[in-house]
Amino acid sequence: MPSNLRIEFILLVLIIGIVVILTLRAKNLTLKYALVWLTAVFAMLLGLLIPNFLELISKALGFEVLANMVFFCGFFVISGIVFSLTVIVSRQSDKIRLLIQEVSILKNKKRITRE
């Protein structure tokens, strides 16, 4: 990779990291999700700063083509994110159901006390 392109990618990754940190400080993002993004930023910086790092890893894992390893890793990262979001949606659904039940009970108690 040409050095000017490498520098541009490093700047882009650093900007992403700064945006994640600022979003975390503004309390628009929880620490749990910020750590996922910051880990990705760290991995990208590692791949950009160490020459031939990804090629060495792909050869060590038995991939013949670097692009195959990138797609393989991307598939598992995205699958993990989707699973994590599914768990979160499931928990939120349970909490919403519980809140609806509690509100219904309170409305019923209020109606009974008025009568």
PDB file of N, CA and C in Angstrom:
ATOM      1  N   MET A   1       0.849  -1.172   0.000  1.00  0.00           N
ATOM      2  CA  MET A   1       0.000   0.000   0.000  1.00  0.00           C
ATOM      3  C   MET A   1       0.896   1.237   0.000  1.00  0.00           C
ATOM      4  N   PRO A   2       0.608   2.179  -0.864  1.00  0.00           N
ATOM      5  CA  PRO A   2       1.412   3.409  -0.898  1.00  0.00           C
ATOM      6  C   PRO A   2       1.338   4.153   0.439  1.00  0.00           C
ATOM      7  N   SER A   3       2.432   4.818   0.772  1.00  0.00           N
ATOM      8  CA  SER A   3       2.506   5.459   2.082  1.00  0.00           C
ATOM      9  C   SER A   3       1.486   6.588   2.252  1.00  0.00           C
ATOM     10  N   ASN A   4       1.188   7.341   1.181  1.00  0.00           N
ATOM     11  CA  ASN A   4       0.207   8.424   1.325  1.00  0.00           C
ATOM     12  C   ASN A   4      -1.199   7.861   1.574  1.00  0.00           C
ATOM     13  N   LEU A   5      -1.519   6.733   0.962  1.00  0.00           N
ATOM     14  CA  LEU A   5      -2.813   6.094   1.211  1.00  0.00           C
ATOM     15  C   LEU A   5      -2.866   5.536   2.628  1.00  0.00           C
ATOM     16  N   ARG A   6      -1.761   4.979   3.097  1.00  0.00           N
ATOM     17  CA  ARG A   6      -1.684   4.454   4.460  1.00  0.00           C
ATOM     18  C   ARG A   6      -1.901   5.582   5.472  1.00  0.00           C
ATOM     19  N   ILE A   7      -1.293   6.737   5.232  1.00  0.00           N
ATOM     20  CA  ILE A   7      -1.447   7.887   6.129  1.00  0.00           C
ATOM     21  C   ILE A   7      -2.896   8.374   6.135  1.00  0.00           C
ATOM     22  N   GLU A   8      -3.525   8.402   4.966  1.00  0.00           N
ATOM     23  CA  GLU A   8      -4.925   8.821   4.900  1.00  0.00           C
ATOM     24  C   GLU A   8      -5.821   7.864   5.678  1.00  0.00           C
ATOM     25  N   PHE A   9      -5.568   6.565   5.546  1.00  0.00           N
ATOM     26  CA  PHE A   9      -6.356   5.585   6.299  1.00  0.00           C
ATOM     27  C   PHE A   9      -6.127   5.726   7.801  1.00  0.00           C
ATOM     28  N   ILE A  10      -4.892   5.965   8.204  1.00  0.00           N
ATOM     29  CA  ILE A  10      -4.589   6.147   9.628  1.00  0.00           C
ATOM     30  C   ILE A  10      -5.343   7.357  10.168  1.00  0.00           C
ATOM     31  N   LEU A  11      -5.352   8.457   9.411  1.00  0.00           N
ATOM     32  CA  LEU A  11      -6.096   9.651   9.837  1.00  0.00           C
ATOM     33  C   LEU A  11      -7.592   9.371   9.934  1.00  0.00           C
ATOM     34  N   LEU A  12      -8.123   8.643   8.964  1.00  0.00           N
ATOM     35  CA  LEU A  12      -9.541   8.300   8.980  1.00  0.00           C
ATOM     36  C   LEU A  12      -9.882   7.443  10.197  1.00  0.00           C
ATOM     37  N   VAL A  13      -9.045   6.459  10.499  1.00  0.00           N
ATOM     38  CA  VAL A  13      -9.285   5.593  11.655  1.00  0.00           C
ATOM     39  C   VAL A  13      -9.176   6.396  12.951  1.00  0.00           C
ATOM     40  N   LEU A  14      -8.220   7.304  13.041  1.00  0.00           N
ATOM     41  CA  LEU A  14      -8.098   8.150  14.230  1.00  0.00           C
ATOM     42  C   LEU A  14      -9.312   9.051  14.400  1.00  0.00           C
ATOM     43  N   ILE A  15      -9.835   9.571  13.300  1.00  0.00           N
ATOM     44  CA  ILE A  15     -11.043  10.401  13.366  1.00  0.00           C
ATOM     45  C   ILE A  15     -12.221   9.576  13.875  1.00  0.00           C
ATOM     46  N   ILE A  16     -12.335   8.337  13.403  1.00  0.00           N
ATOM     47  CA  ILE A  16     -13.403   7.460  13.886  1.00  0.00           C
ATOM     48  C   ILE A  16     -13.249   7.237  15.390  1.00  0.00           C
ATOM     49  N   GLY A  17     -12.030   6.993  15.836  1.00  0.00           N
ATOM     50  CA  GLY A  17     -11.782   6.797  17.261  1.00  0.00           C
ATOM     51  C   GLY A  17     -12.142   8.018  18.082  1.00  0.00           C
ATOM     52  N   ILE A  18     -11.806   9.195  17.578  1.00  0.00           N
ATOM     53  CA  ILE A  18     -12.128  10.441  18.286  1.00  0.00           C
ATOM     54  C   ILE A  18     -13.638  10.643  18.352  1.00  0.00           C
ATOM     55  N   VAL A  19     -14.338  10.349  17.255  1.00  0.00           N
ATOM     56  CA  VAL A  19     -15.800  10.487  17.247  1.00  0.00           C
ATOM     57  C   VAL A  19     -16.420   9.533  18.264  1.00  0.00           C
ATOM     58  N   VAL A  20     -15.911   8.321  18.345  1.00  0.00           N
ATOM     59  CA  VAL A  20     -16.438   7.358  19.323  1.00  0.00           C
ATOM     60  C   VAL A  20     -16.217   7.869  20.742  1.00  0.00           C
ATOM     61  N   ILE A  21     -15.035   8.374  21.026  1.00  0.00           N
ATOM     62  CA  ILE A  21     -14.730   8.876  22.365  1.00  0.00           C
ATOM     63  C   ILE A  21     -15.592  10.088  22.709  1.00  0.00           C
ATOM     64  N   LEU A  22     -15.766  11.003  21.758  1.00  0.00           N
ATOM     65  CA  LEU A  22     -16.609  12.172  22.010  1.00  0.00           C
ATOM     66  C   LEU A  22     -18.070  11.775  22.218  1.00  0.00           C
ATOM     67  N   THR A  23     -18.537  10.793  21.458  1.00  0.00           N
ATOM     68  CA  THR A  23     -19.906  10.313  21.625  1.00  0.00           C
ATOM     69  C   THR A  23     -20.077   9.640  22.979  1.00  0.00           C
ATOM     70  N   LEU A  24     -19.050   8.932  23.411  1.00  0.00           N
ATOM     71  CA  LEU A  24     -19.079   8.300  24.732  1.00  0.00           C
ATOM     72  C   LEU A  24     -19.102   9.355  25.839  1.00  0.00           C
ATOM     73  N   ARG A  25     -18.287  10.386  25.694  1.00  0.00           N
ATOM     74  CA  ARG A  25     -18.240  11.447  26.711  1.00  0.00           C
ATOM     75  C   ARG A  25     -19.547  12.234  26.776  1.00  0.00           C
ATOM     76  N   ALA A  26     -20.233  12.350  25.636  1.00  0.00           N
ATOM     77  CA  ALA A  26     -21.516  13.052  25.611  1.00  0.00           C
ATOM     78  C   ALA A  26     -22.659  12.164  26.104  1.00  0.00           C
ATOM     79  N   LYS A  27     -22.315  10.937  26.500  1.00  0.00           N
ATOM     80  CA  LYS A  27     -23.274   9.956  27.020  1.00  0.00           C
ATOM     81  C   LYS A  27     -24.330   9.573  25.988  1.00  0.00           C
ATOM     82  N   ASN A  28     -23.966   9.610  24.711  1.00  0.00           N
ATOM     83  CA  ASN A  28     -24.853   9.135  23.654  1.00  0.00           C
ATOM     84  C   ASN A  28     -24.555   7.694  23.275  1.00  0.00           C
ATOM     85  N   LEU A  29     -23.505   7.138  23.859  1.00  0.00           N
ATOM     86  CA  LEU A  29     -23.082   5.775  23.577  1.00  0.00           C
ATOM     87  C   LEU A  29     -22.604   5.166  24.887  1.00  0.00           C
ATOM     88  N   THR A  30     -23.031   3.937  25.166  1.00  0.00           N
ATOM     89  CA  THR A  30     -22.608   3.301  26.409  1.00  0.00           C
ATOM     90  C   THR A  30     -21.198   2.735  26.241  1.00  0.00           C
ATOM     91  N   LEU A  31     -20.557   2.503  27.362  1.00  0.00           N
ATOM     92  CA  LEU A  31     -19.181   2.012  27.359  1.00  0.00           C
ATOM     93  C   LEU A  31     -19.072   0.658  26.674  1.00  0.00           C
ATOM     94  N   LYS A  32     -20.082  -0.182  26.861  1.00  0.00           N
ATOM     95  CA  LYS A  32     -20.060  -1.518  26.275  1.00  0.00           C
ATOM     96  C   LYS A  32     -19.943  -1.452  24.749  1.00  0.00           C
ATOM     97  N   TYR A  33     -20.693  -0.555  24.131  1.00  0.00           N
ATOM     98  CA  TYR A  33     -20.655  -0.436  22.677  1.00  0.00           C
ATOM     99  C   TYR A  33     -19.443   0.359  22.215  1.00  0.00           C
ATOM    100  N   ALA A  34     -19.013   1.300  23.023  1.00  0.00           N
ATOM    101  CA  ALA A  34     -17.821   2.070  22.672  1.00  0.00           C
ATOM    102  C   ALA A  34     -16.594   1.160  22.652  1.00  0.00           C
ATOM    103  N   LEU A  35     -16.533   0.195  23.554  1.00  0.00           N
ATOM    104  CA  LEU A  35     -15.400  -0.727  23.572  1.00  0.00           C
ATOM    105  C   LEU A  35     -15.328  -1.559  22.307  1.00  0.00           C
ATOM    106  N   VAL A  36     -16.474  -1.918  21.762  1.00  0.00           N
ATOM    107  CA  VAL A  36     -16.482  -2.659  20.491  1.00  0.00           C
ATOM    108  C   VAL A  36     -15.868  -1.804  19.391  1.00  0.00           C
ATOM    109  N   TRP A  37     -16.293  -0.554  19.314  1.00  0.00           N
ATOM    110  CA  TRP A  37     -15.767   0.345  18.288  1.00  0.00           C
ATOM    111  C   TRP A  37     -14.283   0.644  18.511  1.00  0.00           C
ATOM    112  N   LEU A  38     -13.902   0.865  19.760  1.00  0.00           N
ATOM    113  CA  LEU A  38     -12.502   1.172  20.039  1.00  0.00           C
ATOM    114  C   LEU A  38     -11.598  -0.033  19.776  1.00  0.00           C
ATOM    115  N   THR A  39     -12.107  -1.236  20.000  1.00  0.00           N
ATOM    116  CA  THR A  39     -11.350  -2.440  19.655  1.00  0.00           C
ATOM    117  C   THR A  39     -11.156  -2.533  18.145  1.00  0.00           C
ATOM    118  N   ALA A  40     -12.193  -2.203  17.399  1.00  0.00           N
ATOM    119  CA  ALA A  40     -12.085  -2.216  15.940  1.00  0.00           C
ATOM    120  C   ALA A  40     -11.082  -1.160  15.468  1.00  0.00           C
ATOM    121  N   VAL A  41     -11.107   0.012  16.089  1.00  0.00           N
ATOM    122  CA  VAL A  41     -10.155   1.072  15.738  1.00  0.00           C
ATOM    123  C   VAL A  41      -8.730   0.607  16.026  1.00  0.00           C
ATOM    124  N   PHE A  42      -8.528  -0.026  17.188  1.00  0.00           N
ATOM    125  CA  PHE A  42      -7.208  -0.527  17.542  1.00  0.00           C
ATOM    126  C   PHE A  42      -6.729  -1.584  16.542  1.00  0.00           C
ATOM    127  N   ALA A  43      -7.619  -2.498  16.159  1.00  0.00           N
ATOM    128  CA  ALA A  43      -7.254  -3.540  15.200  1.00  0.00           C
ATOM    129  C   ALA A  43      -6.901  -2.927  13.837  1.00  0.00           C
ATOM    130  N   MET A  44      -7.669  -1.930  13.419  1.00  0.00           N
ATOM    131  CA  MET A  44      -7.371  -1.286  12.132  1.00  0.00           C
ATOM    132  C   MET A  44      -6.040  -0.548  12.189  1.00  0.00           C
ATOM    133  N   LEU A  45      -5.777   0.132  13.292  1.00  0.00           N
ATOM    134  CA  LEU A  45      -4.494   0.829  13.432  1.00  0.00           C
ATOM    135  C   LEU A  45      -3.330  -0.160  13.447  1.00  0.00           C
ATOM    136  N   LEU A  46      -3.522  -1.283  14.116  1.00  0.00           N
ATOM    137  CA  LEU A  46      -2.493  -2.313  14.148  1.00  0.00           C
ATOM    138  C   LEU A  46      -2.195  -2.810  12.740  1.00  0.00           C
ATOM    139  N   GLY A  47      -3.246  -3.051  11.975  1.00  0.00           N
ATOM    140  CA  GLY A  47      -3.072  -3.507  10.596  1.00  0.00           C
ATOM    141  C   GLY A  47      -2.429  -2.470   9.693  1.00  0.00           C
ATOM    142  N   LEU A  48      -2.666  -1.194   9.987  1.00  0.00           N
ATOM    143  CA  LEU A  48      -2.100  -0.128   9.160  1.00  0.00           C
ATOM    144  C   LEU A  48      -0.667   0.231   9.549  1.00  0.00           C
ATOM    145  N   LEU A  49      -0.364   0.149  10.834  1.00  0.00           N
ATOM    146  CA  LEU A  49       0.958   0.589  11.285  1.00  0.00           C
ATOM    147  C   LEU A  49       2.044  -0.463  11.127  1.00  0.00           C
ATOM    148  N   ILE A  50       1.691  -1.727  11.217  1.00  0.00           N
ATOM    149  CA  ILE A  50       2.691  -2.794  11.075  1.00  0.00           C
ATOM    150  C   ILE A  50       2.644  -3.297   9.638  1.00  0.00           C
ATOM    151  N   PRO A  51       3.722  -3.096   8.893  1.00  0.00           N
ATOM    152  CA  PRO A  51       3.729  -3.535   7.492  1.00  0.00           C
ATOM    153  C   PRO A  51       3.563  -5.057   7.382  1.00  0.00           C
ATOM    154  N   ASN A  52       2.748  -5.491   6.454  1.00  0.00           N
ATOM    155  CA  ASN A  52       2.499  -6.908   6.152  1.00  0.00           C
ATOM    156  C   ASN A  52       1.919  -7.684   7.338  1.00  0.00           C
ATOM    157  N   PHE A  53       1.325  -6.988   8.295  1.00  0.00           N
ATOM    158  CA  PHE A  53       0.758  -7.659   9.468  1.00  0.00           C
ATOM    159  C   PHE A  53      -0.386  -8.591   9.071  1.00  0.00           C
ATOM    160  N   LEU A  54      -1.292  -8.076   8.247  1.00  0.00           N
ATOM    161  CA  LEU A  54      -2.438  -8.893   7.844  1.00  0.00           C
ATOM    162  C   LEU A  54      -2.010 -10.066   6.969  1.00  0.00           C
ATOM    163  N   GLU A  55      -1.003  -9.859   6.117  1.00  0.00           N
ATOM    164  CA  GLU A  55      -0.519 -10.950   5.280  1.00  0.00           C
ATOM    165  C   GLU A  55       0.083 -12.064   6.135  1.00  0.00           C
ATOM    166  N   LEU A  56       0.833 -11.686   7.168  1.00  0.00           N
ATOM    167  CA  LEU A  56       1.437 -12.680   8.055  1.00  0.00           C
ATOM    168  C   LEU A  56       0.365 -13.479   8.801  1.00  0.00           C
ATOM    169  N   ILE A  57      -0.650 -12.799   9.273  1.00  0.00           N
ATOM    170  CA  ILE A  57      -1.724 -13.490   9.982  1.00  0.00           C
ATOM    171  C   ILE A  57      -2.494 -14.413   9.042  1.00  0.00           C
ATOM    172  N   SER A  58      -2.788 -13.929   7.843  1.00  0.00           N
ATOM    173  CA  SER A  58      -3.550 -14.764   6.907  1.00  0.00           C
ATOM    174  C   SER A  58      -2.763 -16.016   6.523  1.00  0.00           C
ATOM    175  N   LYS A  59      -1.462 -15.891   6.335  1.00  0.00           N
ATOM    176  CA  LYS A  59      -0.649 -17.066   6.027  1.00  0.00           C
ATOM    177  C   LYS A  59      -0.588 -18.015   7.215  1.00  0.00           C
ATOM    178  N   ALA A  60      -0.487 -17.464   8.439  1.00  0.00           N
ATOM    179  CA  ALA A  60      -0.415 -18.302   9.641  1.00  0.00           C
ATOM    180  C   ALA A  60      -1.730 -19.068   9.859  1.00  0.00           C
ATOM    181  N   LEU A  61      -2.861 -18.453   9.475  1.00  0.00           N
ATOM    182  CA  LEU A  61      -4.156 -19.107   9.637  1.00  0.00           C
ATOM    183  C   LEU A  61      -4.498 -20.015   8.461  1.00  0.00           C
ATOM    184  N   GLY A  62      -3.664 -20.023   7.429  1.00  0.00           N
ATOM    185  CA  GLY A  62      -3.868 -20.925   6.309  1.00  0.00           C
ATOM    186  C   GLY A  62      -4.675 -20.372   5.151  1.00  0.00           C
ATOM    187  N   PHE A  63      -4.907 -19.078   5.126  1.00  0.00           N
ATOM    188  CA  PHE A  63      -5.620 -18.466   4.004  1.00  0.00           C
ATOM    189  C   PHE A  63      -4.626 -18.191   2.885  1.00  0.00           C
ATOM    190  N   GLU A  64      -5.019 -18.522   1.673  1.00  0.00           N
ATOM    191  CA  GLU A  64      -4.129 -18.270   0.544  1.00  0.00           C
ATOM    192  C   GLU A  64      -4.206 -16.826   0.068  1.00  0.00           C
ATOM    193  N   VAL A  65      -5.391 -16.237   0.176  1.00  0.00           N
ATOM    194  CA  VAL A  65      -5.606 -14.874  -0.293  1.00  0.00           C
ATOM    195  C   VAL A  65      -6.038 -14.022   0.903  1.00  0.00           C
ATOM    196  N   LEU A  66      -5.450 -12.853   1.037  1.00  0.00           N
ATOM    197  CA  LEU A  66      -5.756 -11.957   2.155  1.00  0.00           C
ATOM    198  C   LEU A  66      -7.234 -11.572   2.178  1.00  0.00           C
ATOM    199  N   ALA A  67      -7.816 -11.367   1.016  1.00  0.00           N
ATOM    200  CA  ALA A  67      -9.225 -10.961   0.947  1.00  0.00           C
ATOM    201  C   ALA A  67     -10.139 -12.025   1.558  1.00  0.00           C
ATOM    202  N   ASN A  68      -9.775 -13.294   1.423  1.00  0.00           N
ATOM    203  CA  ASN A  68     -10.587 -14.360   2.020  1.00  0.00           C
ATOM    204  C   ASN A  68     -10.596 -14.246   3.541  1.00  0.00           C
ATOM    205  N   MET A  69      -9.449 -13.932   4.130  1.00  0.00           N
ATOM    206  CA  MET A  69      -9.389 -13.783   5.581  1.00  0.00           C
ATOM    207  C   MET A  69     -10.192 -12.565   6.023  1.00  0.00           C
ATOM    208  N   VAL A  70     -10.113 -11.488   5.269  1.00  0.00           N
ATOM    209  CA  VAL A  70     -10.854 -10.277   5.622  1.00  0.00           C
ATOM    210  C   VAL A  70     -12.356 -10.553   5.592  1.00  0.00           C
ATOM    211  N   PHE A  71     -12.841 -11.230   4.560  1.00  0.00           N
ATOM    212  CA  PHE A  71     -14.263 -11.563   4.484  1.00  0.00           C
ATOM    213  C   PHE A  71     -14.663 -12.527   5.593  1.00  0.00           C
ATOM    214  N   PHE A  72     -13.825 -13.500   5.876  1.00  0.00           N
ATOM    215  CA  PHE A  72     -14.093 -14.470   6.939  1.00  0.00           C
ATOM    216  C   PHE A  72     -14.204 -13.767   8.290  1.00  0.00           C
ATOM    217  N   CYS A  73     -13.246 -12.916   8.608  1.00  0.00           N
ATOM    218  CA  CYS A  73     -13.263 -12.180   9.879  1.00  0.00           C
ATOM    219  C   CYS A  73     -14.442 -11.211   9.929  1.00  0.00           C
ATOM    220  N   GLY A  74     -14.703 -10.542   8.828  1.00  0.00           N
ATOM    221  CA  GLY A  74     -15.836  -9.619   8.771  1.00  0.00           C
ATOM    222  C   GLY A  74     -17.162 -10.316   9.002  1.00  0.00           C
ATOM    223  N   PHE A  75     -17.304 -11.512   8.437  1.00  0.00           N
ATOM    224  CA  PHE A  75     -18.534 -12.285   8.624  1.00  0.00           C
ATOM    225  C   PHE A  75     -18.754 -12.592  10.102  1.00  0.00           C
ATOM    226  N   PHE A  76     -17.709 -13.025  10.789  1.00  0.00           N
ATOM    227  CA  PHE A  76     -17.860 -13.369  12.198  1.00  0.00           C
ATOM    228  C   PHE A  76     -18.039 -12.137  13.080  1.00  0.00           C
ATOM    229  N   VAL A  77     -17.409 -11.056  12.751  1.00  0.00           N
ATOM    230  CA  VAL A  77     -17.597  -9.823  13.520  1.00  0.00           C
ATOM    231  C   VAL A  77     -19.034  -9.339  13.378  1.00  0.00           C
ATOM    232  N   ILE A  78     -19.540  -9.321  12.163  1.00  0.00           N
ATOM    233  CA  ILE A  78     -20.913  -8.860  11.935  1.00  0.00           C
ATOM    234  C   ILE A  78     -21.916  -9.824  12.553  1.00  0.00           C
ATOM    235  N   SER A  79     -21.635 -11.121  12.490  1.00  0.00           N
ATOM    236  CA  SER A  79     -22.518 -12.098  13.138  1.00  0.00           C
ATOM    237  C   SER A  79     -22.553 -11.872  14.651  1.00  0.00           C
ATOM    238  N   GLY A  80     -21.411 -11.578  15.239  1.00  0.00           N
ATOM    239  CA  GLY A  80     -21.368 -11.298  16.670  1.00  0.00           C
ATOM    240  C   GLY A  80     -22.148 -10.047  17.028  1.00  0.00           C
ATOM    241  N   ILE A  81     -22.038  -9.022  16.206  1.00  0.00           N
ATOM    242  CA  ILE A  81     -22.772  -7.778  16.456  1.00  0.00           C
ATOM    243  C   ILE A  81     -24.275  -8.018  16.338  1.00  0.00           C
ATOM    244  N   VAL A  82     -24.692  -8.762  15.325  1.00  0.00           N
ATOM    245  CA  VAL A  82     -26.113  -9.054  15.149  1.00  0.00           C
ATOM    246  C   VAL A  82     -26.640  -9.860  16.333  1.00  0.00           C
ATOM    247  N   PHE A  83     -25.870 -10.852  16.791  1.00  0.00           N
ATOM    248  CA  PHE A  83     -26.302 -11.639  17.951  1.00  0.00           C
ATOM    249  C   PHE A  83     -26.419 -10.756  19.186  1.00  0.00           C
ATOM    250  N   SER A  84     -25.448  -9.893  19.398  1.00  0.00           N
ATOM    251  CA  SER A  84     -25.465  -8.989  20.547  1.00  0.00           C
ATOM    252  C   SER A  84     -26.687  -8.079  20.496  1.00  0.00           C
ATOM    253  N   LEU A  85     -26.984  -7.537  19.342  1.00  0.00           N
ATOM    254  CA  LEU A  85     -28.154  -6.660  19.204  1.00  0.00           C
ATOM    255  C   LEU A  85     -29.453  -7.438  19.395  1.00  0.00           C
ATOM    256  N   THR A  86     -29.479  -8.694  18.975  1.00  0.00           N
ATOM    257  CA  THR A  86     -30.669  -9.525  19.180  1.00  0.00           C
ATOM    258  C   THR A  86     -30.907  -9.755  20.661  1.00  0.00           C
ATOM    259  N   VAL A  87     -29.857 -10.002  21.414  1.00  0.00           N
ATOM    260  CA  VAL A  87     -29.980 -10.179  22.863  1.00  0.00           C
ATOM    261  C   VAL A  87     -30.505  -8.890  23.507  1.00  0.00           C
ATOM    262  N   ILE A  88     -29.989  -7.761  23.065  1.00  0.00           N
ATOM    263  CA  ILE A  88     -30.422  -6.474  23.624  1.00  0.00           C
ATOM    264  C   ILE A  88     -31.896  -6.223  23.318  1.00  0.00           C
ATOM    265  N   VAL A  89     -32.314  -6.483  22.092  1.00  0.00           N
ATOM    266  CA  VAL A  89     -33.720  -6.281  21.719  1.00  0.00           C
ATOM    267  C   VAL A  89     -34.615  -7.201  22.534  1.00  0.00           C
ATOM    268  N   SER A  90     -34.176  -8.421  22.752  1.00  0.00           N
ATOM    269  CA  SER A  90     -34.962  -9.362  23.549  1.00  0.00           C
ATOM    270  C   SER A  90     -35.123  -8.868  24.986  1.00  0.00           C
ATOM    271  N   ARG A  91     -34.048  -8.390  25.583  1.00  0.00           N
ATOM    272  CA  ARG A  91     -34.121  -7.858  26.952  1.00  0.00           C
ATOM    273  C   ARG A  91     -35.028  -6.637  27.009  1.00  0.00           C
ATOM    274  N   GLN A  92     -34.910  -5.754  26.031  1.00  0.00           N
ATOM    275  CA  GLN A  92     -35.745  -4.558  26.010  1.00  0.00           C
ATOM    276  C   GLN A  92     -37.210  -4.929  25.850  1.00  0.00           C
ATOM    277  N   SER A  93     -37.493  -5.932  25.060  1.00  0.00           N
ATOM    278  CA  SER A  93     -38.866  -6.392  24.868  1.00  0.00           C
ATOM    279  C   SER A  93     -39.449  -6.908  26.177  1.00  0.00           C
ATOM    280  N   ASP A  94     -38.650  -7.660  26.925  1.00  0.00           N
ATOM    281  CA  ASP A  94     -39.111  -8.151  28.229  1.00  0.00           C
ATOM    282  C   ASP A  94     -39.358  -6.995  29.189  1.00  0.00           C
ATOM    283  N   LYS A  95     -38.487  -6.006  29.198  1.00  0.00           N
ATOM    284  CA  LYS A  95     -38.660  -4.848  30.071  1.00  0.00           C
ATOM    285  C   LYS A  95     -39.910  -4.061  29.698  1.00  0.00           C
ATOM    286  N   ILE A  96     -40.157  -3.895  28.416  1.00  0.00           N
ATOM    287  CA  ILE A  96     -41.348  -3.164  27.961  1.00  0.00           C
ATOM    288  C   ILE A  96     -42.612  -3.909  28.371  1.00  0.00           C
ATOM    289  N   ARG A  97     -42.614  -5.241  28.216  1.00  0.00           N
ATOM    290  CA  ARG A  97     -43.770  -6.035  28.614  1.00  0.00           C
ATOM    291  C   ARG A  97     -44.038  -5.884  30.112  1.00  0.00           C
ATOM    292  N   LEU A  98     -42.964  -5.929  30.916  1.00  0.00           N
ATOM    293  CA  LEU A  98     -43.104  -5.770  32.362  1.00  0.00           C
ATOM    294  C   LEU A  98     -43.637  -4.386  32.713  1.00  0.00           C
ATOM    295  N   LEU A  99     -43.137  -3.351  32.045  1.00  0.00           N
ATOM    296  CA  LEU A  99     -43.625  -1.992  32.296  1.00  0.00           C
ATOM    297  C   LEU A  99     -45.097  -1.845  31.936  1.00  0.00           C
ATOM    298  N   ILE A 100     -45.513  -2.454  30.838  1.00  0.00           N
ATOM    299  CA  ILE A 100     -46.928  -2.394  30.433  1.00  0.00           C
ATOM    300  C   ILE A 100     -47.792  -3.059  31.489  1.00  0.00           C
ATOM    301  N   GLN A 101     -47.339  -4.184  32.008  1.00  0.00           N
ATOM    302  CA  GLN A 101     -48.104  -4.866  33.050  1.00  0.00           C
ATOM    303  C   GLN A 101     -48.193  -4.023  34.315  1.00  0.00           C
ATOM    304  N   GLU A 102     -47.081  -3.397  34.704  1.00  0.00           N
ATOM    305  CA  GLU A 102     -47.093  -2.559  35.910  1.00  0.00           C
ATOM    306  C   GLU A 102     -48.000  -1.344  35.743  1.00  0.00           C
ATOM    307  N   VAL A 103     -47.968  -0.724  34.580  1.00  0.00           N
ATOM    308  CA  VAL A 103     -48.832   0.436  34.323  1.00  0.00           C
ATOM    309  C   VAL A 103     -50.294   0.004  34.341  1.00  0.00           C
ATOM    310  N   SER A 104     -50.587  -1.152  33.780  1.00  0.00           N
ATOM    311  CA  SER A 104     -51.974  -1.639  33.781  1.00  0.00           C
ATOM    312  C   SER A 104     -52.459  -1.897  35.198  1.00  0.00           C
ATOM    313  N   ILE A 105     -51.595  -2.472  36.028  1.00  0.00           N
ATOM    314  CA  ILE A 105     -51.960  -2.719  37.427  1.00  0.00           C
ATOM    315  C   ILE A 105     -52.221  -1.392  38.146  1.00  0.00           C
ATOM    316  N   LEU A 106     -51.348  -0.410  37.927  1.00  0.00           N
ATOM    317  CA  LEU A 106     -51.531   0.902  38.571  1.00  0.00           C
ATOM    318  C   LEU A 106     -52.802   1.587  38.097  1.00  0.00           C
ATOM    319  N   LYS A 107     -53.103   1.488  36.816  1.00  0.00           N
ATOM    320  CA  LYS A 107     -54.344   2.082  36.297  1.00  0.00           C
ATOM    321  C   LYS A 107     -55.556   1.404  36.915  1.00  0.00           C
ATOM    322  N   ASN A 108     -55.468   0.089  37.071  1.00  0.00           N
ATOM    323  CA  ASN A 108     -56.580  -0.645  37.660  1.00  0.00           C
ATOM    324  C   ASN A 108     -56.757  -0.250  39.125  1.00  0.00           C
ATOM    325  N   LYS A 109     -55.666  -0.110  39.870  1.00  0.00           N
ATOM    326  CA  LYS A 109     -55.755   0.310  41.279  1.00  0.00           C
ATOM    327  C   LYS A 109     -56.330   1.718  41.383  1.00  0.00           C
ATOM    328  N   LYS A 110     -55.931   2.588  40.482  1.00  0.00           N
ATOM    329  CA  LYS A 110     -56.437   3.968  40.489  1.00  0.00           C
ATOM    330  C   LYS A 110     -57.931   3.980  40.195  1.00  0.00           C
ATOM    331  N   ARG A 111     -58.353   3.158  39.251  1.00  0.00           N
ATOM    332  CA  ARG A 111     -59.779   3.077  38.902  1.00  0.00           C
ATOM    333  C   ARG A 111     -60.581   2.526  40.070  1.00  0.00           C
ATOM    334  N   ILE A 112     -60.056   1.536  40.777  1.00  0.00           N
ATOM    335  CA  ILE A 112     -60.756   0.930  41.905  1.00  0.00           C
ATOM    336  C   ILE A 112     -60.867   1.935  43.064  1.00  0.00           C
ATOM    337  N   THR A 113     -59.806   2.696  43.312  1.00  0.00           N
ATOM    338  CA  THR A 113     -59.868   3.659  44.412  1.00  0.00           C
ATOM    339  C   THR A 113     -60.830   4.801  44.131  1.00  0.00           C
ATOM    340  N   ARG A 114     -61.046   5.140  42.878  1.00  0.00           N
ATOM    341  CA  ARG A 114     -61.994   6.214  42.536  1.00  0.00           C
ATOM    342  C   ARG A 114     -63.424   5.746  42.729  1.00  0.00           C
ATOM    343  N   GLU A 115     -63.646   4.468  42.620  1.00  0.00           N
ATOM    344  CA  GLU A 115     -65.044   3.966  42.734  1.00  0.00           C
ATOM    345  C   GLU A 115     -65.434   3.757  44.119  1.00  0.00           C
TER     346      GLU A 115
END
